[in-house]
Amino acid sequence: MNPALQAGIDPQKLGRRIAAPRPTLLRLAHLQLRNQAWAEDAVSETVLAVLRGAQHCNGASQLKT
């Protein structure tokens, strides 16, 4: 089962919160990696890490950090 669901996190709400900073993340990743495909991969991996670690978040920091 998805860790976010196990933690009682609304997946739709989390999806919207993740989607909001995606353009900024892509822009920053592209600046660093100089390759659009690699930037997409890096952002996708970041999103997966957020979803996997969502149950450990206590709400003390912002998602973009």
C-alpha atoms as a PDB file:
ATOM      1  CA  MET A   1       0.000   0.000   0.000  1.00  0.00           C
ATOM      2  CA  ASN A   2       1.088   3.574  -0.683  1.00  0.00           C
ATOM      3  CA  PRO A   3       2.889   5.056   2.377  1.00  0.00           C
ATOM      4  CA  ALA A   4       0.974   8.319   1.980  1.00  0.00           C
ATOM      5  CA  LEU A   5      -2.324   6.456   2.210  1.00  0.00           C
ATOM      6  CA  GLN A   6      -1.101   4.525   5.232  1.00  0.00           C
ATOM      7  CA  ALA A   7      -0.316   7.823   6.928  1.00  0.00           C
ATOM      8  CA  GLY A   8      -3.848   9.095   6.318  1.00  0.00           C
ATOM      9  CA  ILE A   9      -2.763  11.720   3.790  1.00  0.00           C
ATOM     10  CA  ASP A  10      -5.285  12.699   1.113  1.00  0.00           C
ATOM     11  CA  PRO A  11      -3.558  11.672  -2.149  1.00  0.00           C
ATOM     12  CA  GLN A  12      -5.454  14.244  -4.239  1.00  0.00           C
ATOM     13  CA  LYS A  13      -4.489  17.076  -1.918  1.00  0.00           C
ATOM     14  CA  LEU A  14      -0.880  15.901  -1.856  1.00  0.00           C
ATOM     15  CA  GLY A  15      -0.911  15.618  -5.657  1.00  0.00           C
ATOM     16  CA  ARG A  16      -2.032  19.234  -6.001  1.00  0.00           C
ATOM     17  CA  ARG A  17       0.622  20.399  -3.539  1.00  0.00           C
ATOM     18  CA  ILE A  18       3.317  18.513  -5.448  1.00  0.00           C
ATOM     19  CA  ALA A  19       2.130  19.775  -8.841  1.00  0.00           C
ATOM     20  CA  ALA A  20       2.319  23.437  -7.821  1.00  0.00           C
ATOM     21  CA  PRO A  21       6.143  23.702  -7.483  1.00  0.00           C
ATOM     22  CA  ARG A  22       6.847  21.302 -10.389  1.00  0.00           C
ATOM     23  CA  PRO A  23       7.577  24.043 -12.985  1.00  0.00           C
ATOM     24  CA  THR A  24      10.054  25.689 -10.614  1.00  0.00           C
ATOM     25  CA  LEU A  25      11.682  22.344  -9.841  1.00  0.00           C
ATOM     26  CA  LEU A  26      11.999  21.583 -13.560  1.00  0.00           C
ATOM     27  CA  ARG A  27      13.541  24.965 -14.257  1.00  0.00           C
ATOM     28  CA  LEU A  28      16.077  24.582 -11.446  1.00  0.00           C
ATOM     29  CA  ALA A  29      16.917  20.996 -12.406  1.00  0.00           C
ATOM     30  CA  HIS A  30      17.424  22.006 -16.031  1.00  0.00           C
ATOM     31  CA  LEU A  31      19.731  24.845 -15.019  1.00  0.00           C
ATOM     32  CA  GLN A  32      21.858  22.402 -13.033  1.00  0.00           C
ATOM     33  CA  LEU A  33      21.769  19.415 -15.381  1.00  0.00           C
ATOM     34  CA  ARG A  34      21.613  21.175 -18.778  1.00  0.00           C
ATOM     35  CA  ASN A  35      19.510  18.321 -20.136  1.00  0.00           C
ATOM     36  CA  GLN A  36      15.700  18.374 -20.207  1.00  0.00           C
ATOM     37  CA  ALA A  37      15.291  14.586 -19.982  1.00  0.00           C
ATOM     38  CA  TRP A  38      17.612  14.397 -16.972  1.00  0.00           C
ATOM     39  CA  ALA A  39      15.765  17.298 -15.355  1.00  0.00           C
ATOM     40  CA  GLU A  40      12.441  15.488 -15.826  1.00  0.00           C
ATOM     41  CA  ASP A  41      13.930  12.348 -14.286  1.00  0.00           C
ATOM     42  CA  ALA A  42      15.344  14.276 -11.331  1.00  0.00           C
ATOM     43  CA  VAL A  43      12.010  15.942 -10.628  1.00  0.00           C
ATOM     44  CA  SER A  44      10.164  12.627 -10.957  1.00  0.00           C
ATOM     45  CA  GLU A  45      12.571  11.017  -8.493  1.00  0.00           C
ATOM     46  CA  THR A  46      12.029  13.952  -6.131  1.00  0.00           C
ATOM     47  CA  VAL A  47       8.258  13.535  -6.324  1.00  0.00           C
ATOM     48  CA  LEU A  48       8.595   9.819  -5.587  1.00  0.00           C
ATOM     49  CA  ALA A  49      10.784  10.585  -2.583  1.00  0.00           C
ATOM     50  CA  VAL A  50       8.151  13.005  -1.289  1.00  0.00           C
ATOM     51  CA  LEU A  51       5.425  10.396  -1.677  1.00  0.00           C
ATOM     52  CA  ARG A  52       7.514   7.722   0.031  1.00  0.00           C
ATOM     53  CA  GLY A  53       8.450  10.007   2.917  1.00  0.00           C
ATOM     54  CA  ALA A  54       5.105  11.746   3.364  1.00  0.00           C
ATOM     55  CA  GLN A  55       4.216   9.772   6.483  1.00  0.00           C
ATOM     56  CA  HIS A  56       7.345  11.110   8.214  1.00  0.00           C
ATOM     57  CA  CYS A  57       6.408  14.747   7.675  1.00  0.00           C
ATOM     58  CA  ASN A  58       5.177  16.463  10.813  1.00  0.00           C
ATOM     59  CA  GLY A  59       4.095  19.623   9.012  1.00  0.00           C
ATOM     60  CA  ALA A  60       6.909  21.732  10.442  1.00  0.00           C
ATOM     61  CA  SER A  61       8.387  22.617   7.047  1.00  0.00           C
ATOM     62  CA  GLN A  62       7.060  23.604   3.665  1.00  0.00           C
ATOM     63  CA  LEU A  63       6.786  21.070   0.871  1.00  0.00           C
ATOM     64  CA  LYS A  64       9.095  23.078  -1.388  1.00  0.00           C
ATOM     65  CA  THR A  65      11.938  22.769   1.116  1.00  0.00           C
END
